[in-house]
Amino acid sequence: MQAPAEQVILVTGATDGLGRAVATELAERGATLLLHGRDEARLADTAERIRAETQNDRLHTYRADFSSLDEVGGMAGLIGRDQDRIDVLVNNAGIGTTLPGDGERLESRDGHELRFAVNYLAHFLLTRRLLSVIVSSAPARIVNVSSAGQAPIDFDDVMLERAYDGVQAYCQSKLAQVMLTFDLAEELRDQRVIVNCLHPATYMPTKIVLHARGSAISTLEEGVEATVRLAANAELDGVTGRYFNGQNEARAHPQAYDPDARRRLRELSARLAGATGR
């Protein structure tokens, strides 16, 4: 794995919370950062502040609303046009159990349950669309920011139309990220692309956590350290297809290890996102 100063790293959800802090830390180490956000003004402000804090001018911004697969695909196209390499992809963008909606079931622009769409399906599509660039940049890494909050996917009601619950929606989207991680790790094992996922820390003081429960348990720094470790630390060279709780390898929900469940999710995702591979 290359030194961070030589890397091109894409961080989704980089304008707030963990994503912004991870991007700042990686910029401090000298990497070239591709920053994603859904609001142009916040993206520009984030880039300006990171430049001021790190003295790193190698920052590029890309806007897309992850509730729209068309926008995700468009952003992937722009990145592919602008960048001839991506050494690390950090799939971090997401929404929590209560924001937005405060318990109400919401749908994406494409008509999918919003948390499944934003937290999982958008990243499935983005990763698939950028995979050829990532593979050509190998050795490379993909880091999926998941959660210890995981719930099994009911393939008869993936969009939770029968009995919606925001916690269930969030937790199944996070399990889907883990399942994507394991699939990609197997697919890319011989192509020098490491794919891992993690629960970065428990209830960090981010906007979605504070809105949902009012207080934090872990520090943001704990989550940053765990995420950056998967993205950049040489000690994990060759370690792939793993789920980490913080910095410790852990077991994910049992459904993540079910090949048939992963196949069903993979086929559903490809159909919904219109992405069949590289």
C-alpha atoms as a PDB file:
ATOM      1  CA  MET A   1       0.000   0.000   0.000  1.00  0.00           C
ATOM      2  CA  GLN A   2       1.276   3.444  -0.925  1.00  0.00           C
ATOM      3  CA  ALA A   3       2.073   6.157   1.596  1.00  0.00           C
ATOM      4  CA  PRO A   4      -0.980   8.389   2.275  1.00  0.00           C
ATOM      5  CA  ALA A   5       0.740  11.371   0.651  1.00  0.00           C
ATOM      6  CA  GLU A   6       0.677   9.528  -2.677  1.00  0.00           C
ATOM      7  CA  GLN A   7      -2.942   8.412  -2.487  1.00  0.00           C
ATOM      8  CA  VAL A   8      -6.115   9.653  -4.129  1.00  0.00           C
ATOM      9  CA  ILE A   9      -8.965   9.066  -1.682  1.00  0.00           C
ATOM     10  CA  LEU A  10     -12.700   9.531  -2.228  1.00  0.00           C
ATOM     11  CA  VAL A  11     -14.790  10.127   0.906  1.00  0.00           C
ATOM     12  CA  THR A  12     -18.563  10.205   0.583  1.00  0.00           C
ATOM     13  CA  GLY A  13     -20.544  12.272   3.056  1.00  0.00           C
ATOM     14  CA  ALA A  14     -17.526  14.507   3.630  1.00  0.00           C
ATOM     15  CA  THR A  15     -19.290  17.722   4.657  1.00  0.00           C
ATOM     16  CA  ASP A  16     -20.260  16.711   8.188  1.00  0.00           C
ATOM     17  CA  GLY A  17     -19.570  14.402  11.104  1.00  0.00           C
ATOM     18  CA  LEU A  18     -17.292  11.415  10.689  1.00  0.00           C
ATOM     19  CA  GLY A  19     -16.779  11.923   6.951  1.00  0.00           C
ATOM     20  CA  ARG A  20     -15.548  15.464   7.357  1.00  0.00           C
ATOM     21  CA  ALA A  21     -13.229  14.493  10.199  1.00  0.00           C
ATOM     22  CA  VAL A  22     -11.830  11.509   8.262  1.00  0.00           C
ATOM     23  CA  ALA A  23     -11.265  13.668   5.182  1.00  0.00           C
ATOM     24  CA  THR A  24      -9.463  16.271   7.286  1.00  0.00           C
ATOM     25  CA  GLU A  25      -7.180  13.647   8.836  1.00  0.00           C
ATOM     26  CA  LEU A  26      -6.323  12.147   5.459  1.00  0.00           C
ATOM     27  CA  ALA A  27      -5.684  15.606   3.992  1.00  0.00           C
ATOM     28  CA  GLU A  28      -3.397  16.321   6.936  1.00  0.00           C
ATOM     29  CA  ARG A  29      -1.425  13.229   5.958  1.00  0.00           C
ATOM     30  CA  GLY A  30      -1.002  14.662   2.465  1.00  0.00           C
ATOM     31  CA  ALA A  31      -3.453  12.617   0.400  1.00  0.00           C
ATOM     32  CA  THR A  32      -5.371  14.012  -2.549  1.00  0.00           C
ATOM     33  CA  LEU A  33      -9.008  14.141  -1.432  1.00  0.00           C
ATOM     34  CA  LEU A  34     -12.139  13.773  -3.512  1.00  0.00           C
ATOM     35  CA  LEU A  35     -14.899  15.161  -1.314  1.00  0.00           C
ATOM     36  CA  HIS A  36     -18.538  14.242  -1.838  1.00  0.00           C
ATOM     37  CA  GLY A  37     -21.552  16.084  -0.473  1.00  0.00           C
ATOM     38  CA  ARG A  38     -25.115  16.827  -1.526  1.00  0.00           C
ATOM     39  CA  ASP A  39     -25.017  20.610  -1.082  1.00  0.00           C
ATOM     40  CA  GLU A  40     -22.721  22.728  -3.260  1.00  0.00           C
ATOM     41  CA  ALA A  41     -22.296  25.537  -0.724  1.00  0.00           C
ATOM     42  CA  ARG A  42     -21.442  23.162   2.122  1.00  0.00           C
ATOM     43  CA  LEU A  43     -19.012  21.307  -0.128  1.00  0.00           C
ATOM     44  CA  ALA A  44     -17.206  24.531  -0.987  1.00  0.00           C
ATOM     45  CA  ASP A  45     -17.100  25.568   2.673  1.00  0.00           C
ATOM     46  CA  THR A  46     -15.787  22.148   3.719  1.00  0.00           C
ATOM     47  CA  ALA A  47     -13.012  22.229   1.133  1.00  0.00           C
ATOM     48  CA  GLU A  48     -12.036  25.752   2.161  1.00  0.00           C
ATOM     49  CA  ARG A  49     -11.883  24.843   5.838  1.00  0.00           C
ATOM     50  CA  ILE A  50      -9.883  21.655   5.225  1.00  0.00           C
ATOM     51  CA  ARG A  51      -7.411  23.606   3.087  1.00  0.00           C
ATOM     52  CA  ALA A  52      -7.012  26.173   5.852  1.00  0.00           C
ATOM     53  CA  GLU A  53      -6.563  23.520   8.553  1.00  0.00           C
ATOM     54  CA  THR A  54      -4.189  21.235   6.665  1.00  0.00           C
ATOM     55  CA  GLN A  55      -2.474  23.488   4.101  1.00  0.00           C
ATOM     56  CA  ASN A  56      -3.375  20.820   1.540  1.00  0.00           C
ATOM     57  CA  ASP A  57      -4.610  22.220  -1.775  1.00  0.00           C
ATOM     58  CA  ARG A  58      -5.191  18.829  -3.412  1.00  0.00           C
ATOM     59  CA  LEU A  59      -8.943  18.806  -2.791  1.00  0.00           C
ATOM     60  CA  HIS A  60     -11.656  18.206  -5.378  1.00  0.00           C
ATOM     61  CA  THR A  61     -15.404  18.369  -4.757  1.00  0.00           C
ATOM     62  CA  TYR A  62     -18.238  16.332  -6.269  1.00  0.00           C
ATOM     63  CA  ARG A  63     -21.911  16.936  -5.579  1.00  0.00           C
ATOM     64  CA  ALA A  64     -24.655  14.324  -5.655  1.00  0.00           C
ATOM     65  CA  ASP A  65     -27.831  13.669  -3.716  1.00  0.00           C
ATOM     66  CA  PHE A  66     -27.606   9.992  -2.789  1.00  0.00           C
ATOM     67  CA  SER A  67     -31.394   9.717  -2.814  1.00  0.00           C
ATOM     68  CA  SER A  68     -31.133   9.874  -6.617  1.00  0.00           C
ATOM     69  CA  LEU A  69     -29.385   7.053  -8.446  1.00  0.00           C
ATOM     70  CA  ASP A  70     -29.163   9.255 -11.532  1.00  0.00           C
ATOM     71  CA  GLU A  71     -27.134  11.788  -9.555  1.00  0.00           C
ATOM     72  CA  VAL A  72     -24.929   9.051  -8.105  1.00  0.00           C
ATOM     73  CA  GLY A  73     -24.265   7.686 -11.572  1.00  0.00           C
ATOM     74  CA  GLY A  74     -23.590  11.180 -12.865  1.00  0.00           C
ATOM     75  CA  MET A  75     -21.078  11.830 -10.101  1.00  0.00           C
ATOM     76  CA  ALA A  76     -19.339   8.530 -10.815  1.00  0.00           C
ATOM     77  CA  GLY A  77     -19.083   9.559 -14.466  1.00  0.00           C
ATOM     78  CA  LEU A  78     -17.515  12.901 -13.572  1.00  0.00           C
ATOM     79  CA  ILE A  79     -15.011  11.276 -11.239  1.00  0.00           C
ATOM     80  CA  GLY A  80     -14.116   8.719 -13.867  1.00  0.00           C
ATOM     81  CA  ARG A  81     -13.574  11.519 -16.372  1.00  0.00           C
ATOM     82  CA  ASP A  82     -11.474  13.651 -14.009  1.00  0.00           C
ATOM     83  CA  GLN A  83      -9.447  11.025 -12.152  1.00  0.00           C
ATOM     84  CA  ASP A  84      -7.289   8.281 -13.593  1.00  0.00           C
ATOM     85  CA  ARG A  85      -6.829   6.639 -10.190  1.00  0.00           C
ATOM     86  CA  ILE A  86      -8.608   6.071  -6.894  1.00  0.00           C
ATOM     87  CA  ASP A  87      -6.475   4.389  -4.274  1.00  0.00           C
ATOM     88  CA  VAL A  88      -9.090   4.376  -1.525  1.00  0.00           C
ATOM     89  CA  LEU A  89     -12.880   4.679  -1.555  1.00  0.00           C
ATOM     90  CA  VAL A  90     -14.478   5.427   1.820  1.00  0.00           C
ATOM     91  CA  ASN A  91     -18.226   4.825   1.558  1.00  0.00           C
ATOM     92  CA  ASN A  92     -19.394   6.880   4.512  1.00  0.00           C
ATOM     93  CA  ALA A  93     -22.450   8.960   3.522  1.00  0.00           C
ATOM     94  CA  GLY A  94     -25.654   8.030   5.253  1.00  0.00           C
ATOM     95  CA  ILE A  95     -28.738   8.950   7.205  1.00  0.00           C
ATOM     96  CA  GLY A  96     -29.708   7.754  10.671  1.00  0.00           C
ATOM     97  CA  THR A  97     -32.750   6.230  12.299  1.00  0.00           C
ATOM     98  CA  THR A  98     -34.698   9.470  12.712  1.00  0.00           C
ATOM     99  CA  LEU A  99     -33.313  12.122  10.355  1.00  0.00           C
ATOM    100  CA  PRO A 100     -34.930  12.790   7.989  1.00  0.00           C
ATOM    101  CA  GLY A 101     -38.534  11.830   8.632  1.00  0.00           C
ATOM    102  CA  ASP A 102     -38.707  11.490  12.433  1.00  0.00           C
ATOM    103  CA  GLY A 103     -40.117   7.987  12.149  1.00  0.00           C
ATOM    104  CA  GLU A 104     -42.109   8.484   8.960  1.00  0.00           C
ATOM    105  CA  ARG A 105     -41.429   6.192   6.007  1.00  0.00           C
ATOM    106  CA  LEU A 106     -39.864   8.176   3.179  1.00  0.00           C
ATOM    107  CA  GLU A 107     -38.894   7.171  -0.343  1.00  0.00           C
ATOM    108  CA  SER A 108     -35.976   8.145  -2.532  1.00  0.00           C
ATOM    109  CA  ARG A 109     -36.470   9.896  -5.840  1.00  0.00           C
ATOM    110  CA  ASP A 110     -36.440   6.469  -7.453  1.00  0.00           C
ATOM    111  CA  GLY A 111     -39.215   5.176  -5.201  1.00  0.00           C
ATOM    112  CA  HIS A 112     -37.065   3.052  -2.888  1.00  0.00           C
ATOM    113  CA  GLU A 113     -37.184   3.140   0.911  1.00  0.00           C
ATOM    114  CA  LEU A 114     -34.945   6.090   1.735  1.00  0.00           C
ATOM    115  CA  ARG A 115     -32.483   4.542   4.183  1.00  0.00           C
ATOM    116  CA  PHE A 116     -31.901   1.489   2.013  1.00  0.00           C
ATOM    117  CA  ALA A 117     -31.406   3.821  -0.958  1.00  0.00           C
ATOM    118  CA  VAL A 118     -29.024   6.338   0.618  1.00  0.00           C
ATOM    119  CA  ASN A 119     -27.062   4.170   3.024  1.00  0.00           C
ATOM    120  CA  TYR A 120     -26.660   1.156   0.775  1.00  0.00           C
ATOM    121  CA  LEU A 121     -27.956   1.276  -2.790  1.00  0.00           C
ATOM    122  CA  ALA A 122     -26.196   4.536  -3.714  1.00  0.00           C
ATOM    123  CA  HIS A 123     -22.881   3.134  -2.495  1.00  0.00           C
ATOM    124  CA  PHE A 124     -23.477  -0.129  -4.331  1.00  0.00           C
ATOM    125  CA  LEU A 125     -23.913   1.823  -7.565  1.00  0.00           C
ATOM    126  CA  LEU A 126     -21.035   4.236  -6.929  1.00  0.00           C
ATOM    127  CA  THR A 127     -18.631   1.421  -6.111  1.00  0.00           C
ATOM    128  CA  ARG A 128     -19.661  -0.600  -9.145  1.00  0.00           C
ATOM    129  CA  ARG A 129     -19.287   2.379 -11.467  1.00  0.00           C
ATOM    130  CA  LEU A 130     -15.822   3.228 -10.114  1.00  0.00           C
ATOM    131  CA  LEU A 131     -14.539  -0.310  -9.789  1.00  0.00           C
ATOM    132  CA  SER A 132     -12.500  -0.315 -12.984  1.00  0.00           C
ATOM    133  CA  VAL A 133     -10.602   2.801 -11.842  1.00  0.00           C
ATOM    134  CA  ILE A 134     -10.060   1.330  -8.384  1.00  0.00           C
ATOM    135  CA  VAL A 135      -8.793  -1.990  -9.774  1.00  0.00           C
ATOM    136  CA  SER A 136      -6.441  -0.233 -12.174  1.00  0.00           C
ATOM    137  CA  SER A 137      -5.036   1.705  -9.190  1.00  0.00           C
ATOM    138  CA  ALA A 138      -4.253  -1.423  -7.156  1.00  0.00           C
ATOM    139  CA  PRO A 139      -3.069  -1.928  -4.551  1.00  0.00           C
ATOM    140  CA  ALA A 140      -6.246  -0.174  -3.457  1.00  0.00           C
ATOM    141  CA  ARG A 141      -8.846  -0.278  -0.703  1.00  0.00           C
ATOM    142  CA  ILE A 142     -12.580   0.079  -0.220  1.00  0.00           C
ATOM    143  CA  VAL A 143     -13.874   0.924   3.259  1.00  0.00           C
ATOM    144  CA  ASN A 144     -17.588   0.688   3.998  1.00  0.00           C
ATOM    145  CA  VAL A 145     -18.693   2.569   7.109  1.00  0.00           C
ATOM    146  CA  SER A 146     -21.378   0.334   8.543  1.00  0.00           C
ATOM    147  CA  SER A 147     -22.696  -0.045  12.099  1.00  0.00           C
ATOM    148  CA  ALA A 148     -23.012  -2.551  14.908  1.00  0.00           C
ATOM    149  CA  GLY A 149     -26.729  -1.933  14.498  1.00  0.00           C
ATOM    150  CA  GLN A 150     -27.589  -4.645  11.953  1.00  0.00           C
ATOM    151  CA  ALA A 151     -30.920  -6.301  11.192  1.00  0.00           C
ATOM    152  CA  PRO A 152     -31.740  -9.119   8.767  1.00  0.00           C
ATOM    153  CA  ILE A 153     -33.222  -8.239   5.400  1.00  0.00           C
ATOM    154  CA  ASP A 154     -36.715  -9.587   4.709  1.00  0.00           C
ATOM    155  CA  PHE A 155     -36.516 -10.224   0.986  1.00  0.00           C
ATOM    156  CA  ASP A 156     -40.317 -10.328   0.794  1.00  0.00           C
ATOM    157  CA  ASP A 157     -40.495  -6.733   2.051  1.00  0.00           C
ATOM    158  CA  VAL A 158     -37.102  -5.097   1.553  1.00  0.00           C
ATOM    159  CA  MET A 159     -38.657  -1.628   1.269  1.00  0.00           C
ATOM    160  CA  LEU A 160     -40.605  -2.114   4.537  1.00  0.00           C
ATOM    161  CA  GLU A 161     -43.955  -1.278   3.020  1.00  0.00           C
ATOM    162  CA  ARG A 162     -45.911  -3.528   5.391  1.00  0.00           C
ATOM    163  CA  ALA A 163     -44.518  -2.447   8.750  1.00  0.00           C
ATOM    164  CA  TYR A 164     -42.105   0.477   8.663  1.00  0.00           C
ATOM    165  CA  ASP A 165     -39.697   1.216  11.477  1.00  0.00           C
ATOM    166  CA  GLY A 166     -36.812   3.676  11.169  1.00  0.00           C
ATOM    167  CA  VAL A 167     -34.469   1.590  13.296  1.00  0.00           C
ATOM    168  CA  GLN A 168     -35.185  -1.540  11.243  1.00  0.00           C
ATOM    169  CA  ALA A 169     -34.683   0.445   8.029  1.00  0.00           C
ATOM    170  CA  TYR A 170     -31.341   1.819   9.212  1.00  0.00           C
ATOM    171  CA  CYS A 171     -30.101  -1.503  10.575  1.00  0.00           C
ATOM    172  CA  GLN A 172     -30.951  -3.517   7.465  1.00  0.00           C
ATOM    173  CA  SER A 173     -29.228  -0.921   5.278  1.00  0.00           C
ATOM    174  CA  LYS A 174     -26.100  -1.257   7.407  1.00  0.00           C
ATOM    175  CA  LEU A 175     -26.186  -5.053   7.196  1.00  0.00           C
ATOM    176  CA  ALA A 176     -26.498  -4.689   3.428  1.00  0.00           C
ATOM    177  CA  GLN A 177     -23.232  -2.704   3.466  1.00  0.00           C
ATOM    178  CA  VAL A 178     -21.538  -5.575   5.288  1.00  0.00           C
ATOM    179  CA  MET A 179     -22.875  -8.071   2.763  1.00  0.00           C
ATOM    180  CA  LEU A 180     -21.599  -5.902  -0.081  1.00  0.00           C
ATOM    181  CA  THR A 181     -18.196  -5.822   1.625  1.00  0.00           C
ATOM    182  CA  PHE A 182     -17.955  -9.599   1.803  1.00  0.00           C
ATOM    183  CA  ASP A 183     -19.066  -9.985  -1.824  1.00  0.00           C
ATOM    184  CA  LEU A 184     -16.553  -7.454  -3.143  1.00  0.00           C
ATOM    185  CA  ALA A 185     -13.733  -8.920  -1.071  1.00  0.00           C
ATOM    186  CA  GLU A 186     -14.300 -12.320  -2.662  1.00  0.00           C
ATOM    187  CA  GLU A 187     -14.630 -10.845  -6.153  1.00  0.00           C
ATOM    188  CA  LEU A 188     -11.491  -8.717  -5.893  1.00  0.00           C
ATOM    189  CA  ARG A 189      -9.287 -10.993  -3.809  1.00  0.00           C
ATOM    190  CA  ASP A 190      -6.891 -11.706  -6.668  1.00  0.00           C
ATOM    191  CA  GLN A 191      -6.826  -8.107  -7.935  1.00  0.00           C
ATOM    192  CA  ARG A 192      -5.044  -6.499  -4.963  1.00  0.00           C
ATOM    193  CA  VAL A 193      -8.101  -4.568  -3.783  1.00  0.00           C
ATOM    194  CA  ILE A 194      -8.749  -4.829  -0.045  1.00  0.00           C
ATOM    195  CA  VAL A 195     -12.384  -4.449   1.047  1.00  0.00           C
ATOM    196  CA  ASN A 196     -13.374  -4.117   4.704  1.00  0.00           C
ATOM    197  CA  CYS A 197     -16.173  -2.563   6.745  1.00  0.00           C
ATOM    198  CA  LEU A 198     -16.542  -1.290  10.276  1.00  0.00           C
ATOM    199  CA  HIS A 199     -18.629   0.057  13.072  1.00  0.00           C
ATOM    200  CA  PRO A 200     -16.374   3.070  13.692  1.00  0.00           C
ATOM    201  CA  ALA A 201     -17.473   3.872  17.254  1.00  0.00           C
ATOM    202  CA  THR A 202     -20.596   3.824  19.401  1.00  0.00           C
ATOM    203  CA  TYR A 203     -22.809   6.931  19.346  1.00  0.00           C
ATOM    204  CA  MET A 204     -20.280   9.540  18.299  1.00  0.00           C
ATOM    205  CA  PRO A 205     -21.295  13.203  18.699  1.00  0.00           C
ATOM    206  CA  THR A 206     -22.590  13.553  15.134  1.00  0.00           C
ATOM    207  CA  LYS A 207     -25.752  15.337  14.066  1.00  0.00           C
ATOM    208  CA  ILE A 208     -27.739  12.174  13.431  1.00  0.00           C
ATOM    209  CA  VAL A 209     -26.728  10.617  16.768  1.00  0.00           C
ATOM    210  CA  LEU A 210     -27.446  13.727  18.826  1.00  0.00           C
ATOM    211  CA  HIS A 211     -30.844  14.144  17.191  1.00  0.00           C
ATOM    212  CA  ALA A 212     -31.752  10.501  17.824  1.00  0.00           C
ATOM    213  CA  ARG A 213     -30.567  10.132  21.429  1.00  0.00           C
ATOM    214  CA  GLY A 214     -29.389  13.521  22.678  1.00  0.00           C
ATOM    215  CA  SER A 215     -25.925  12.485  23.868  1.00  0.00           C
ATOM    216  CA  ALA A 216     -22.781  10.685  22.740  1.00  0.00           C
ATOM    217  CA  ILE A 217     -20.756   7.801  24.159  1.00  0.00           C
ATOM    218  CA  SER A 218     -17.651   7.597  21.973  1.00  0.00           C
ATOM    219  CA  THR A 219     -15.580  10.515  20.736  1.00  0.00           C
ATOM    220  CA  LEU A 220     -15.410  11.456  17.084  1.00  0.00           C
ATOM    221  CA  GLU A 221     -11.654  10.887  17.266  1.00  0.00           C
ATOM    222  CA  GLU A 222     -12.216   7.192  18.065  1.00  0.00           C
ATOM    223  CA  GLY A 223     -14.278   6.775  14.906  1.00  0.00           C
ATOM    224  CA  VAL A 224     -11.741   8.680  12.821  1.00  0.00           C
ATOM    225  CA  GLU A 225      -8.856   6.555  14.078  1.00  0.00           C
ATOM    226  CA  ALA A 226     -10.683   3.296  13.333  1.00  0.00           C
ATOM    227  CA  THR A 227     -11.777   4.407   9.858  1.00  0.00           C
ATOM    228  CA  VAL A 228      -8.411   5.859   8.821  1.00  0.00           C
ATOM    229  CA  ARG A 229      -6.733   2.662   9.985  1.00  0.00           C
ATOM    230  CA  LEU A 230      -8.744   0.643   7.476  1.00  0.00           C
ATOM    231  CA  ALA A 231      -8.162   3.226   4.769  1.00  0.00           C
ATOM    232  CA  ALA A 232      -4.430   3.776   5.113  1.00  0.00           C
ATOM    233  CA  ASN A 233      -2.538   1.723   7.673  1.00  0.00           C
ATOM    234  CA  ALA A 234       0.014  -0.744   6.293  1.00  0.00           C
ATOM    235  CA  GLU A 235      -0.692  -3.260   9.072  1.00  0.00           C
ATOM    236  CA  LEU A 236      -3.880  -4.216   7.207  1.00  0.00           C
ATOM    237  CA  ASP A 237      -2.191  -4.971   3.880  1.00  0.00           C
ATOM    238  CA  GLY A 238      -3.691  -8.239   2.690  1.00  0.00           C
ATOM    239  CA  VAL A 239      -6.488  -8.244   5.286  1.00  0.00           C
ATOM    240  CA  THR A 240      -9.781  -8.292   3.378  1.00  0.00           C
ATOM    241  CA  GLY A 241     -13.412  -9.285   3.757  1.00  0.00           C
ATOM    242  CA  ARG A 242     -13.565  -8.446   7.457  1.00  0.00           C
ATOM    243  CA  TYR A 243     -15.957  -6.573   9.721  1.00  0.00           C
ATOM    244  CA  PHE A 244     -14.426  -4.487  12.524  1.00  0.00           C
ATOM    245  CA  ASN A 245     -15.968  -3.053  15.646  1.00  0.00           C
ATOM    246  CA  GLY A 246     -13.725  -0.065  16.153  1.00  0.00           C
ATOM    247  CA  GLN A 247     -10.228  -1.456  15.713  1.00  0.00           C
ATOM    248  CA  ASN A 248     -11.131  -5.025  16.658  1.00  0.00           C
ATOM    249  CA  GLU A 249     -12.222  -7.671  14.197  1.00  0.00           C
ATOM    250  CA  ALA A 250     -15.742  -8.833  15.050  1.00  0.00           C
ATOM    251  CA  ARG A 251     -18.618 -10.992  13.797  1.00  0.00           C
ATOM    252  CA  ALA A 252     -21.363  -9.352  11.821  1.00  0.00           C
ATOM    253  CA  HIS A 253     -25.007 -10.441  11.805  1.00  0.00           C
ATOM    254  CA  PRO A 254     -25.307 -14.116  10.737  1.00  0.00           C
ATOM    255  CA  GLN A 255     -27.174 -13.202   7.534  1.00  0.00           C
ATOM    256  CA  ALA A 256     -23.997 -11.555   6.234  1.00  0.00           C
ATOM    257  CA  TYR A 257     -22.363 -15.003   6.066  1.00  0.00           C
ATOM    258  CA  ASP A 258     -25.270 -16.610   4.196  1.00  0.00           C
ATOM    259  CA  PRO A 259     -24.244 -17.030   0.533  1.00  0.00           C
ATOM    260  CA  ASP A 260     -27.841 -17.309  -0.643  1.00  0.00           C
ATOM    261  CA  ALA A 261     -28.865 -14.107   1.145  1.00  0.00           C
ATOM    262  CA  ARG A 262     -25.891 -12.279  -0.342  1.00  0.00           C
ATOM    263  CA  ARG A 263     -26.785 -13.580  -3.798  1.00  0.00           C
ATOM    264  CA  ARG A 264     -30.378 -12.375  -3.420  1.00  0.00           C
ATOM    265  CA  LEU A 265     -29.212  -8.953  -2.271  1.00  0.00           C
ATOM    266  CA  ARG A 266     -26.647  -8.732  -5.065  1.00  0.00           C
ATOM    267  CA  GLU A 267     -29.234  -9.574  -7.727  1.00  0.00           C
ATOM    268  CA  LEU A 268     -31.801  -7.178  -6.247  1.00  0.00           C
ATOM    269  CA  SER A 269     -29.252  -4.383  -6.035  1.00  0.00           C
ATOM    270  CA  ALA A 270     -28.056  -4.840  -9.612  1.00  0.00           C
ATOM    271  CA  ARG A 271     -31.652  -4.750 -10.823  1.00  0.00           C
ATOM    272  CA  LEU A 272     -32.595  -1.646  -8.831  1.00  0.00           C
ATOM    273  CA  ALA A 273     -29.389   0.253  -9.559  1.00  0.00           C
ATOM    274  CA  GLY A 274     -28.964  -0.854 -13.142  1.00  0.00           C
ATOM    275  CA  ALA A 275     -25.389  -1.939 -12.398  1.00  0.00           C
ATOM    276  CA  THR A 276     -24.268  -5.408 -13.400  1.00  0.00           C
ATOM    277  CA  GLY A 277     -20.528  -5.065 -12.793  1.00  0.00           C
ATOM    278  CA  ARG A 278     -17.439  -3.508 -14.305  1.00  0.00           C
END
